């Protein structure tokens, strides 16, 4: 992937990550006891964070000191 595609993908993932954060906050704030849905959101958020980190690593060149 070239840098522009990686940057676009990163932006999409970051938006989804923020949206999930808001959804998790809304579930908790509403006093919802839907623990399964909450766990799924949190798991998805962690996967997104890992994918974001992987793509960010691709954008930063490896520098061997």
Protein backbone atom coordinates (compact mmCIF):
# COMPACT_ATOMS: atom_id res chain seq x y z
CA UNK A 1 0.00 0.00 0.00
CA UNK A 2 1.25 3.46 -0.73
CA UNK A 3 1.26 6.22 1.88
CA UNK A 4 -1.88 7.96 0.66
CA UNK A 5 -3.94 4.75 0.88
CA UNK A 6 -2.56 4.02 4.32
CA UNK A 7 -3.40 7.56 5.47
CA UNK A 8 -6.97 7.26 4.17
CA UNK A 9 -7.42 3.87 5.84
CA UNK A 10 -6.03 5.29 9.08
CA UNK A 11 -8.55 8.12 9.04
CA UNK A 12 -11.44 5.69 8.50
CA UNK A 13 -10.23 3.48 11.34
CA UNK A 14 -9.76 6.43 13.69
CA UNK A 15 -13.29 7.66 13.00
CA UNK A 16 -14.71 4.20 13.66
CA UNK A 17 -12.63 3.98 16.85
CA UNK A 18 -14.04 7.31 18.08
CA UNK A 19 -17.56 6.24 17.17
CA UNK A 20 -17.17 3.03 19.14
CA UNK A 21 -15.85 5.03 22.09
CA UNK A 22 -18.99 7.17 21.96
CA UNK A 23 -21.23 4.11 21.65
CA UNK A 24 -19.56 2.47 24.65
CA UNK A 25 -19.99 5.66 26.66
CA UNK A 26 -23.65 5.86 25.67
CA UNK A 27 -24.29 2.25 26.70
CA UNK A 28 -22.64 2.80 30.06
CA UNK A 29 -24.32 6.16 30.57
CA UNK A 30 -27.75 4.76 29.79
CA UNK A 31 -27.29 2.12 32.47
CA UNK A 32 -27.66 -0.60 29.88
CA UNK A 33 -26.92 -4.03 31.22
CA UNK A 34 -26.25 -5.48 27.77
CA UNK A 35 -22.85 -6.83 28.73
CA UNK A 36 -22.53 -8.89 25.55
CA UNK A 37 -22.94 -5.84 23.30
CA UNK A 38 -20.55 -3.85 25.49
CA UNK A 39 -17.94 -6.61 25.29
CA UNK A 40 -18.29 -6.78 21.50
CA UNK A 41 -17.81 -3.03 21.17
CA UNK A 42 -14.74 -3.12 23.39
CA UNK A 43 -13.25 -6.06 21.48
CA UNK A 44 -13.82 -4.30 18.15
CA UNK A 45 -12.24 -1.14 19.55
CA UNK A 46 -9.13 -3.09 20.58
CA UNK A 47 -8.86 -4.68 17.13
CA UNK A 48 -9.12 -1.24 15.56
CA UNK A 49 -6.40 0.08 17.84
CA UNK A 50 -4.11 -2.78 16.81
CA UNK A 51 -4.78 -2.19 13.11
CA UNK A 52 -4.18 1.56 13.54
CA UNK A 53 -0.85 0.85 15.25
CA UNK A 54 0.17 -1.53 12.47
CA UNK A 55 -0.61 1.01 9.75
CA UNK A 56 1.14 3.81 11.64
CA UNK A 57 4.23 1.61 11.83
CA UNK A 58 4.14 1.25 8.05
CA UNK A 59 4.18 5.03 7.66
CA UNK A 60 7.18 5.54 9.94
CA UNK A 61 10.42 4.37 8.36
CA UNK A 62 12.59 2.01 10.36
CA UNK A 63 15.67 3.79 11.62
CA UNK A 64 18.46 1.61 12.86
CA UNK A 65 20.69 3.59 15.17
